[in-house]
N, C-alpha and C. Protein backbone atom coordinates (compact mmCIF):
# COMPACT_ATOMS: atom_id res chain seq x y z
N UNK A 1 -31.44 20.87 44.31
CA UNK A 1 -29.83 20.59 44.20
C UNK A 1 -29.85 19.71 42.54
N UNK A 2 -30.25 18.50 42.13
CA UNK A 2 -30.45 17.66 41.19
C UNK A 2 -31.08 18.42 39.98
N UNK A 3 -31.99 19.28 40.40
CA UNK A 3 -32.86 20.04 39.47
C UNK A 3 -31.93 20.89 38.90
N UNK A 4 -31.27 21.86 39.41
CA UNK A 4 -30.35 22.61 38.99
C UNK A 4 -29.04 22.15 38.22
N UNK A 5 -28.41 20.83 38.83
CA UNK A 5 -27.43 20.33 38.20
C UNK A 5 -28.12 19.89 36.35
N UNK A 6 -29.32 19.43 36.54
CA UNK A 6 -29.65 18.44 35.23
C UNK A 6 -29.94 20.25 34.19
N UNK A 7 -30.18 21.25 34.88
CA UNK A 7 -30.53 22.70 34.18
C UNK A 7 -29.23 22.92 33.57
N UNK A 8 -28.39 22.79 34.28
CA UNK A 8 -27.13 23.02 33.85
C UNK A 8 -26.40 22.44 32.89
N UNK A 9 -26.36 21.12 33.06
CA UNK A 9 -25.93 20.07 31.87
C UNK A 9 -26.82 20.46 30.67
N UNK A 10 -27.90 20.72 30.64
CA UNK A 10 -28.94 21.03 29.58
C UNK A 10 -28.55 22.05 28.54
N UNK A 11 -28.27 23.28 29.40
CA UNK A 11 -27.86 24.49 29.06
C UNK A 11 -26.57 24.46 28.02
N UNK A 12 -25.53 24.01 29.06
CA UNK A 12 -24.36 23.34 28.80
C UNK A 12 -24.55 22.63 27.39
N UNK A 13 -25.43 21.62 27.00
CA UNK A 13 -25.36 21.05 25.80
C UNK A 13 -26.08 21.76 24.78
N UNK A 14 -26.69 22.67 25.07
CA UNK A 14 -27.47 23.57 24.46
C UNK A 14 -26.52 24.57 23.39
N UNK A 15 -25.50 24.87 24.44
CA UNK A 15 -24.73 26.04 23.95
C UNK A 15 -23.56 25.20 23.15
N UNK A 16 -23.29 24.18 23.31
CA UNK A 16 -22.14 22.80 22.63
C UNK A 16 -22.84 23.25 21.16
N UNK A 17 -23.90 22.73 21.14
CA UNK A 17 -25.01 22.47 19.81
C UNK A 17 -24.67 23.61 19.08
N UNK A 18 -24.65 24.84 19.57
CA UNK A 18 -24.83 26.23 19.01
C UNK A 18 -23.64 26.58 17.84
N UNK A 19 -22.24 25.78 18.72
CA UNK A 19 -21.25 26.16 18.19
C UNK A 19 -20.18 24.82 17.54
N UNK A 20 -21.19 23.90 17.23
CA UNK A 20 -20.67 22.50 16.66
C UNK A 20 -20.78 22.82 15.00
N UNK A 21 -19.88 23.04 13.90
CA UNK A 21 -19.99 23.44 12.86
C UNK A 21 -20.79 22.21 12.27
N UNK A 22 -21.54 22.32 11.10
CA UNK A 22 -22.75 21.84 10.33
C UNK A 22 -21.44 20.49 9.51
N UNK A 23 -21.95 19.86 9.38
CA UNK A 23 -21.45 18.67 8.50
C UNK A 23 -21.24 18.92 7.25
N UNK A 24 -20.22 18.58 6.43
CA UNK A 24 -19.84 19.37 5.25
C UNK A 24 -20.39 18.44 4.28
N UNK A 25 -21.30 18.80 3.33
CA UNK A 25 -21.65 18.20 2.16
C UNK A 25 -21.06 18.50 1.25
N UNK A 26 -21.12 17.12 0.12
CA UNK A 26 -20.49 17.19 -1.20
C UNK A 26 -21.29 18.51 -2.04
N UNK A 27 -20.12 19.34 -2.78
CA UNK A 27 -20.70 20.29 -3.56
C UNK A 27 -21.54 19.93 -4.60
N UNK A 28 -22.33 20.61 -5.27
CA UNK A 28 -22.87 20.39 -6.26
C UNK A 28 -22.48 21.56 -7.96
N UNK A 29 -22.11 20.48 -8.96
CA UNK A 29 -21.37 20.71 -10.15
C UNK A 29 -22.40 20.86 -11.36
N UNK A 30 -21.93 21.68 -11.80
CA UNK A 30 -22.69 21.60 -13.65
C UNK A 30 -22.09 20.74 -14.35
N UNK A 31 -22.95 20.39 -15.62
CA UNK A 31 -22.27 19.32 -16.39
C UNK A 31 -21.13 19.85 -17.23
N UNK A 32 -20.43 19.47 -17.88
CA UNK A 32 -19.25 19.91 -18.88
C UNK A 32 -19.21 19.28 -19.94
N UNK A 33 -18.34 19.40 -21.02
CA UNK A 33 -17.95 18.68 -22.05
C UNK A 33 -16.89 17.35 -21.56
N UNK A 34 -17.09 16.46 -22.35
CA UNK A 34 -16.11 14.98 -21.94
C UNK A 34 -15.00 15.26 -23.24
N UNK A 35 -13.73 14.95 -22.86
CA UNK A 35 -12.78 14.62 -24.01
C UNK A 35 -12.28 13.89 -23.37
N UNK A 36 -12.25 12.49 -23.88
CA UNK A 36 -11.56 11.28 -23.00
C UNK A 36 -9.93 11.06 -23.91
N UNK A 37 -9.03 10.45 -22.99
CA UNK A 37 -7.98 10.24 -23.61
C UNK A 37 -7.56 8.78 -22.72
N UNK A 38 -5.84 8.47 -22.81
CA UNK A 38 -5.98 7.20 -22.06
C UNK A 38 -5.64 7.41 -20.81
N UNK A 39 -5.68 8.34 -20.30
CA UNK A 39 -6.02 8.20 -18.60
C UNK A 39 -7.49 8.16 -18.31
N UNK A 40 -8.21 8.16 -19.03
CA UNK A 40 -9.83 7.81 -18.53
C UNK A 40 -9.63 6.37 -18.73
N UNK A 41 -10.18 5.73 -17.40
CA UNK A 41 -10.49 4.03 -17.43
C UNK A 41 -11.92 4.09 -16.62
N UNK A 42 -12.88 3.49 -17.71
CA UNK A 42 -14.24 3.73 -17.81
C UNK A 42 -14.83 2.05 -17.67
N UNK A 43 -16.21 2.14 -17.09
CA UNK A 43 -17.09 0.81 -17.91
C UNK A 43 -17.63 1.57 -18.83
N UNK A 44 -18.01 0.04 -19.46
CA UNK A 44 -18.88 0.14 -20.78
C UNK A 44 -20.29 1.10 -20.56
N UNK A 45 -20.41 1.78 -21.51
CA UNK A 45 -21.71 2.46 -21.74
C UNK A 45 -23.03 1.30 -21.13
N UNK A 46 -23.72 2.24 -20.38
CA UNK A 46 -24.93 1.02 -19.56
C UNK A 46 -26.14 1.87 -19.98
N UNK A 47 -27.34 1.59 -20.68
CA UNK A 47 -28.29 2.00 -20.95
C UNK A 47 -29.37 2.02 -19.92
N UNK A 48 -29.72 3.70 -19.69
CA UNK A 48 -30.66 4.03 -18.40
C UNK A 48 -31.87 3.22 -18.49
N UNK A 49 -32.45 2.53 -17.47
CA UNK A 49 -33.78 1.95 -17.41
C UNK A 49 -34.79 2.56 -17.69
N UNK A 50 -35.08 4.40 -17.48
CA UNK A 50 -35.95 5.08 -18.02
C UNK A 50 -36.21 5.11 -19.42
N UNK A 51 -35.06 4.73 -20.25
CA UNK A 51 -34.98 4.95 -21.78
C UNK A 51 -34.73 3.92 -22.56
N UNK A 52 -35.06 2.33 -21.73
CA UNK A 52 -34.63 1.39 -22.34
C UNK A 52 -35.60 1.09 -23.68
N UNK A 53 -36.69 1.77 -23.98
CA UNK A 53 -37.73 1.64 -24.78
C UNK A 53 -37.73 2.58 -25.76
N UNK A 54 -36.89 3.61 -25.61
CA UNK A 54 -36.42 4.84 -26.53
C UNK A 54 -35.62 4.24 -27.42
N UNK A 55 -35.69 4.80 -28.91
CA UNK A 55 -34.65 4.29 -29.63
C UNK A 55 -33.43 5.25 -29.51
N UNK A 56 -32.15 4.52 -29.36
CA UNK A 56 -30.76 5.42 -29.18
C UNK A 56 -30.58 5.16 -27.71
N UNK A 57 -31.71 5.40 -26.83
CA UNK A 57 -31.67 5.44 -25.37
C UNK A 57 -30.61 6.65 -24.90
N UNK A 58 -30.47 6.77 -23.39
CA UNK A 58 -29.84 7.33 -22.81
C UNK A 58 -28.91 6.57 -21.90
N UNK A 59 -27.53 6.74 -22.21
CA UNK A 59 -26.45 5.45 -21.76
C UNK A 59 -25.44 6.61 -20.88
N UNK A 60 -24.81 5.73 -19.64
CA UNK A 60 -24.21 6.45 -19.11
C UNK A 60 -23.15 5.32 -18.73
N UNK A 61 -21.97 6.01 -17.89
CA UNK A 61 -21.10 5.01 -17.35
C UNK A 61 -20.21 5.86 -16.27
N UNK A 62 -19.50 5.31 -15.52
CA UNK A 62 -18.39 5.86 -14.56
C UNK A 62 -16.97 5.58 -15.17
N UNK A 63 -16.32 6.53 -14.69
CA UNK A 63 -14.80 6.79 -15.05
C UNK A 63 -14.05 7.35 -13.95
N UNK A 64 -12.53 6.93 -13.94
CA UNK A 64 -11.60 7.45 -13.08
C UNK A 64 -10.42 7.91 -13.93
N UNK A 65 -10.27 9.03 -13.87
CA UNK A 65 -9.28 9.73 -14.52
C UNK A 65 -8.02 9.94 -13.80
N UNK A 66 -7.05 9.29 -14.40
CA UNK A 66 -5.58 8.97 -13.25
C UNK A 66 -4.56 10.29 -13.91
N UNK A 67 -3.72 10.87 -13.18
CA UNK A 67 -2.92 12.19 -13.59
C UNK A 67 -1.86 11.10 -14.38
N UNK A 68 -1.28 12.11 -15.44
CA UNK A 68 -0.22 11.84 -16.05
C UNK A 68 1.07 11.42 -15.12
N UNK A 69 1.03 11.79 -14.09
CA UNK A 69 1.99 11.90 -13.20
C UNK A 69 1.92 10.70 -12.29
N UNK A 70 2.46 9.58 -12.10
CA UNK A 70 2.09 8.54 -11.53
C UNK A 70 2.10 9.08 -9.96
N UNK A 71 0.70 8.58 -9.12
CA UNK A 71 0.44 8.91 -7.90
C UNK A 71 0.58 10.37 -7.00
N UNK A 72 -0.18 10.88 -7.98
CA UNK A 72 -0.66 12.43 -8.06
C UNK A 72 -2.03 12.81 -7.42
N UNK A 73 -2.73 12.67 -8.66
CA UNK A 73 -3.99 12.85 -8.57
C UNK A 73 -4.70 11.85 -9.37
N UNK A 74 -6.29 11.82 -8.82
CA UNK A 74 -7.33 10.99 -9.47
C UNK A 74 -8.69 11.57 -9.26
N UNK A 75 -9.45 11.41 -10.29
CA UNK A 75 -10.53 12.21 -10.44
C UNK A 75 -11.84 11.20 -10.86
N UNK A 76 -12.92 11.39 -10.27
CA UNK A 76 -14.09 10.13 -10.73
C UNK A 76 -15.16 11.33 -11.73
N UNK A 77 -16.12 10.52 -12.58
CA UNK A 77 -16.65 11.13 -13.43
C UNK A 77 -17.86 10.70 -14.13
N UNK A 78 -18.99 10.98 -14.22
CA UNK A 78 -20.26 10.57 -14.43
C UNK A 78 -20.42 10.56 -15.86
N UNK A 79 -20.42 9.88 -16.72
CA UNK A 79 -20.75 10.55 -18.32
C UNK A 79 -21.73 10.28 -18.93
N UNK A 80 -22.62 10.96 -19.36
CA UNK A 80 -23.94 10.68 -20.27
C UNK A 80 -24.15 10.86 -21.17
N UNK A 81 -24.73 10.15 -22.19
CA UNK A 81 -24.87 10.11 -23.73
C UNK A 81 -26.31 9.87 -23.69
N UNK A 82 -26.88 11.10 -24.51
CA UNK A 82 -28.11 11.10 -25.17
C UNK A 82 -28.17 10.57 -26.76
N UNK A 83 -28.41 9.37 -26.80
CA UNK A 83 -27.97 8.75 -28.08
C UNK A 83 -29.97 8.58 -28.49
N UNK A 84 -30.61 9.46 -27.59
CA UNK A 84 -32.18 9.66 -28.24
C UNK A 84 -32.34 10.66 -29.02
N UNK A 85 -33.31 10.79 -29.89
CA UNK A 85 -33.40 11.51 -30.72
C UNK A 85 -34.75 12.55 -29.92
N UNK A 86 -34.45 12.97 -28.78
CA UNK A 86 -34.97 14.14 -28.29
C UNK A 86 -34.08 14.57 -26.91
N UNK A 87 -34.12 15.77 -26.51
CA UNK A 87 -33.86 15.98 -25.70
C UNK A 87 -34.16 15.55 -23.87
N UNK A 88 -33.37 15.39 -22.84
CA UNK A 88 -33.68 14.44 -21.99
C UNK A 88 -33.25 15.31 -20.57
N UNK A 89 -34.22 15.31 -19.54
CA UNK A 89 -33.81 16.12 -18.33
C UNK A 89 -33.16 15.09 -17.30
N UNK A 90 -31.87 15.58 -16.95
CA UNK A 90 -30.99 14.63 -16.00
C UNK A 90 -31.67 15.39 -14.41
N UNK A 91 -32.61 14.71 -13.90
CA UNK A 91 -32.81 15.11 -12.57
C UNK A 91 -32.08 15.22 -11.55
N UNK A 92 -31.05 14.19 -11.53
CA UNK A 92 -30.13 14.27 -10.48
C UNK A 92 -28.89 13.40 -10.94
N UNK A 93 -27.70 13.80 -10.38
CA UNK A 93 -26.56 12.91 -10.75
C UNK A 93 -25.74 12.62 -9.13
N UNK A 94 -24.90 11.83 -9.05
CA UNK A 94 -24.30 11.57 -7.78
C UNK A 94 -22.84 10.51 -8.03
N UNK A 95 -21.73 11.58 -7.71
CA UNK A 95 -20.40 10.71 -7.87
C UNK A 95 -20.16 10.44 -6.37
N UNK A 96 -19.64 9.25 -6.31
CA UNK A 96 -19.01 8.99 -4.97
C UNK A 96 -17.55 8.39 -5.10
N UNK A 97 -16.81 9.25 -4.74
CA UNK A 97 -15.33 8.82 -4.96
C UNK A 97 -14.23 8.85 -3.94
N UNK A 98 -13.40 8.58 -3.12
CA UNK A 98 -12.26 8.71 -2.33
C UNK A 98 -13.15 9.74 -1.12
N UNK A 99 -14.34 9.38 -0.84
CA UNK A 99 -14.83 10.17 0.20
C UNK A 99 -14.33 10.81 1.30
N UNK A 100 -13.17 10.52 1.88
CA UNK A 100 -12.36 10.81 2.89
C UNK A 100 -11.59 12.03 2.30
N UNK A 101 -11.25 11.86 1.25
CA UNK A 101 -10.30 12.78 0.63
C UNK A 101 -11.34 14.17 -0.26
N UNK A 102 -12.65 14.39 -0.04
CA UNK A 102 -13.39 14.97 -0.51
C UNK A 102 -13.40 14.80 -1.82
N UNK A 103 -13.59 13.71 -2.57
CA UNK A 103 -13.95 13.42 -4.16
C UNK A 103 -15.41 13.38 -4.17
N UNK A 104 -16.28 13.65 -3.33
CA UNK A 104 -17.54 13.13 -3.85
C UNK A 104 -18.28 14.43 -4.16
N UNK A 105 -19.24 14.24 -5.28
CA UNK A 105 -20.32 15.44 -5.57
C UNK A 105 -21.49 15.12 -5.90
N UNK A 106 -22.17 16.24 -5.72
CA UNK A 106 -23.81 15.93 -6.59
C UNK A 106 -23.61 16.34 -8.06
N UNK A 107 -24.63 16.01 -9.07
CA UNK A 107 -24.41 16.85 -9.97
C UNK A 107 -25.83 17.64 -10.31
N UNK A 108 -25.95 18.41 -10.92
CA UNK A 108 -26.61 19.89 -10.84
C UNK A 108 -27.94 18.92 -12.19
N UNK A 109 -29.12 19.81 -11.35
CA UNK A 109 -30.26 19.32 -12.66
C UNK A 109 -29.98 20.07 -13.96
N UNK A 110 -30.25 19.14 -15.27
CA UNK A 110 -29.94 19.84 -16.27
C UNK A 110 -30.50 19.24 -17.40
N UNK A 111 -30.82 19.91 -18.84
CA UNK A 111 -31.29 19.26 -19.66
C UNK A 111 -29.94 18.82 -20.74
N UNK A 112 -30.13 17.67 -21.40
CA UNK A 112 -28.78 17.06 -22.32
C UNK A 112 -29.40 17.41 -23.45
N UNK A 113 -29.03 17.70 -24.71
CA UNK A 113 -29.48 17.57 -25.86
C UNK A 113 -29.38 16.27 -26.53
N UNK A 114 -30.09 16.04 -27.56
CA UNK A 114 -30.10 14.95 -28.41
C UNK A 114 -29.06 15.01 -28.86
N UNK A 115 -28.01 13.66 -28.88
CA UNK A 115 -27.08 13.42 -29.68
C UNK A 115 -25.64 13.92 -28.46
N UNK A 116 -26.02 14.74 -27.45
CA UNK A 116 -24.97 15.33 -26.84
C UNK A 116 -24.25 14.29 -25.88
N UNK A 117 -23.07 14.59 -25.22
CA UNK A 117 -22.66 13.69 -24.16
C UNK A 117 -22.10 15.15 -23.14
N UNK A 118 -22.58 14.61 -21.85
CA UNK A 118 -21.59 15.63 -20.65
C UNK A 118 -20.99 14.76 -19.48
N UNK A 119 -20.08 15.19 -19.22
CA UNK A 119 -19.81 14.72 -17.59
C UNK A 119 -20.12 15.80 -16.42
N UNK A 120 -20.10 14.91 -15.30
CA UNK A 120 -20.09 15.89 -14.19
C UNK A 120 -18.43 14.96 -13.63
N UNK A 121 -18.16 16.05 -13.09
CA UNK A 121 -16.82 15.83 -12.62
C UNK A 121 -16.85 16.09 -11.10
N UNK A 122 -16.58 14.87 -10.21
CA UNK A 122 -16.18 15.06 -8.92
C UNK A 122 -14.60 15.74 -8.86
N UNK A 123 -14.19 16.44 -7.79
CA UNK A 123 -13.07 16.96 -7.40
C UNK A 123 -11.76 16.06 -7.43
N UNK A 124 -10.81 16.47 -8.40
CA UNK A 124 -9.52 15.84 -8.33
C UNK A 124 -9.06 15.82 -6.54
N UNK A 125 -8.26 14.51 -6.24
CA UNK A 125 -8.18 14.23 -5.22
C UNK A 125 -6.44 13.68 -4.91
N UNK A 126 -5.89 13.99 -3.96
CA UNK A 126 -4.85 13.37 -3.98
C UNK A 126 -4.78 11.73 -3.64
N UNK A 127 -3.91 10.75 -4.33
CA UNK A 127 -4.05 9.47 -4.16
C UNK A 127 -2.59 9.23 -3.77
N UNK A 128 -2.37 8.18 -2.95
CA UNK A 128 -1.45 7.60 -2.38
C UNK A 128 -0.76 6.35 -3.48
N UNK A 129 0.52 6.66 -3.45
CA UNK A 129 1.37 5.60 -4.43
C UNK A 129 1.24 4.28 -4.14
N UNK A 130 1.27 3.02 -5.17
CA UNK A 130 1.66 1.72 -4.59
C UNK A 130 0.05 1.24 -4.12
N UNK A 131 -1.15 2.09 -4.35
CA UNK A 131 -2.40 1.70 -3.47
C UNK A 131 -3.48 1.56 -4.72
N UNK A 132 -4.58 1.20 -4.19
CA UNK A 132 -5.69 1.29 -5.27
C UNK A 132 -6.43 2.28 -4.82
N UNK A 133 -7.09 3.20 -5.73
CA UNK A 133 -8.54 4.31 -5.19
C UNK A 133 -9.49 3.45 -5.07
N UNK A 134 -10.05 3.85 -4.33
CA UNK A 134 -11.87 3.95 -3.98
C UNK A 134 -12.43 3.46 -5.39
N UNK A 135 -13.60 2.74 -5.52
CA UNK A 135 -14.29 2.39 -6.72
C UNK A 135 -15.32 3.80 -6.67
N UNK A 136 -15.45 4.12 -8.15
CA UNK A 136 -16.25 5.33 -8.44
C UNK A 136 -17.78 4.58 -8.63
N UNK A 137 -18.61 4.97 -7.53
CA UNK A 137 -20.06 4.94 -7.78
C UNK A 137 -20.56 6.00 -8.08
N UNK A 138 -21.80 5.77 -9.25
CA UNK A 138 -22.56 6.90 -9.99
C UNK A 138 -23.70 6.84 -10.17
N UNK A 139 -24.54 7.71 -9.77
CA UNK A 139 -25.98 7.50 -9.83
C UNK A 139 -26.59 8.04 -10.74
N UNK A 140 -27.41 7.91 -11.52
CA UNK A 140 -28.12 9.04 -12.49
C UNK A 140 -29.60 8.77 -12.64
N UNK A 141 -30.61 9.76 -12.04
CA UNK A 141 -31.95 9.63 -11.91
C UNK A 141 -32.38 10.43 -13.12
N UNK A 142 -33.37 10.01 -13.94
CA UNK A 142 -34.10 10.14 -15.11
C UNK A 142 -35.44 9.62 -14.85
N UNK A 143 -36.31 10.52 -15.06
CA UNK A 143 -37.66 10.12 -15.09
C UNK A 143 -38.32 9.65 -13.76
N UNK A 144 -37.50 10.22 -12.76
CA UNK A 144 -37.90 9.39 -11.64
C UNK A 144 -37.35 7.97 -10.95
N UNK A 145 -36.45 7.38 -11.93
CA UNK A 145 -35.71 6.39 -11.99
C UNK A 145 -34.20 6.71 -11.59
N UNK A 146 -33.79 6.27 -10.32
CA UNK A 146 -32.51 6.62 -10.39
C UNK A 146 -31.51 4.70 -10.52
N UNK A 147 -30.64 4.82 -11.66
CA UNK A 147 -29.68 4.06 -11.58
C UNK A 147 -27.96 4.00 -11.42
N UNK A 148 -27.76 3.12 -10.86
CA UNK A 148 -26.17 3.40 -10.70
C UNK A 148 -25.22 2.33 -11.50
N UNK A 149 -24.07 2.80 -11.24
CA UNK A 149 -22.96 2.03 -11.91
C UNK A 149 -21.81 2.21 -10.97
N UNK A 150 -20.65 1.41 -11.23
CA UNK A 150 -19.49 1.25 -10.51
C UNK A 150 -18.25 0.70 -11.11
N UNK A 151 -17.49 1.25 -11.12
CA UNK A 151 -16.09 1.44 -11.91
C UNK A 151 -15.42 0.81 -10.55
N UNK A 152 -14.75 -0.11 -10.96
CA UNK A 152 -13.70 -0.55 -9.32
C UNK A 152 -12.42 0.27 -9.41
N UNK A 153 -11.32 0.33 -8.48
CA UNK A 153 -10.64 1.26 -8.00
C UNK A 153 -9.76 0.66 -8.96
N UNK A 154 -8.61 1.80 -9.06
CA UNK A 154 -7.53 1.87 -10.27
C UNK A 154 -6.53 1.72 -9.07
N UNK A 155 -5.09 1.02 -9.81
CA UNK A 155 -3.90 0.81 -8.95
C UNK A 155 -3.13 2.48 -9.09
N UNK A 156 -2.64 2.55 -8.47
CA UNK A 156 -1.72 3.71 -8.20
C UNK A 156 -0.25 3.09 -8.36
N UNK A 157 0.37 3.87 -9.23
CA UNK A 157 1.57 3.20 -9.58
C UNK A 157 2.45 3.86 -8.78
N UNK A 158 3.72 3.02 -8.59
CA UNK A 158 4.78 3.16 -7.18
C UNK A 158 5.43 4.39 -7.97
């Protein structure tokens, strides 16, 4: 009797596992041009450790873009500037922002031409009036080295 009960429980658990939806992963997005304005709040550029000894280097920063309309939308962006005199390959990028609202994203592997600047834009998310957004944490992997940056949260006006 105990064997039959255990078999029934195991079968029920197996069926449940088949019908549980997979965890939702952050989307992967392509890099786009960057045009900043007063709505962009960014950290200063940091030279990526893989390019410290390369003239000009490859720099990156984290930004939070706030909507013109107070308390409606916010978006995090990983910005990369190739100040070196050679093209670089961006292996991986990541933006973590307002995770519970779907503001996280992976950045597609891509080449960045010498002198170019590009941004990896996380999805825009709704933000709550009179609160502070989460920090925007970014990661950039170049030549197998992962560097991170963090932009503290921004106050959302009432």
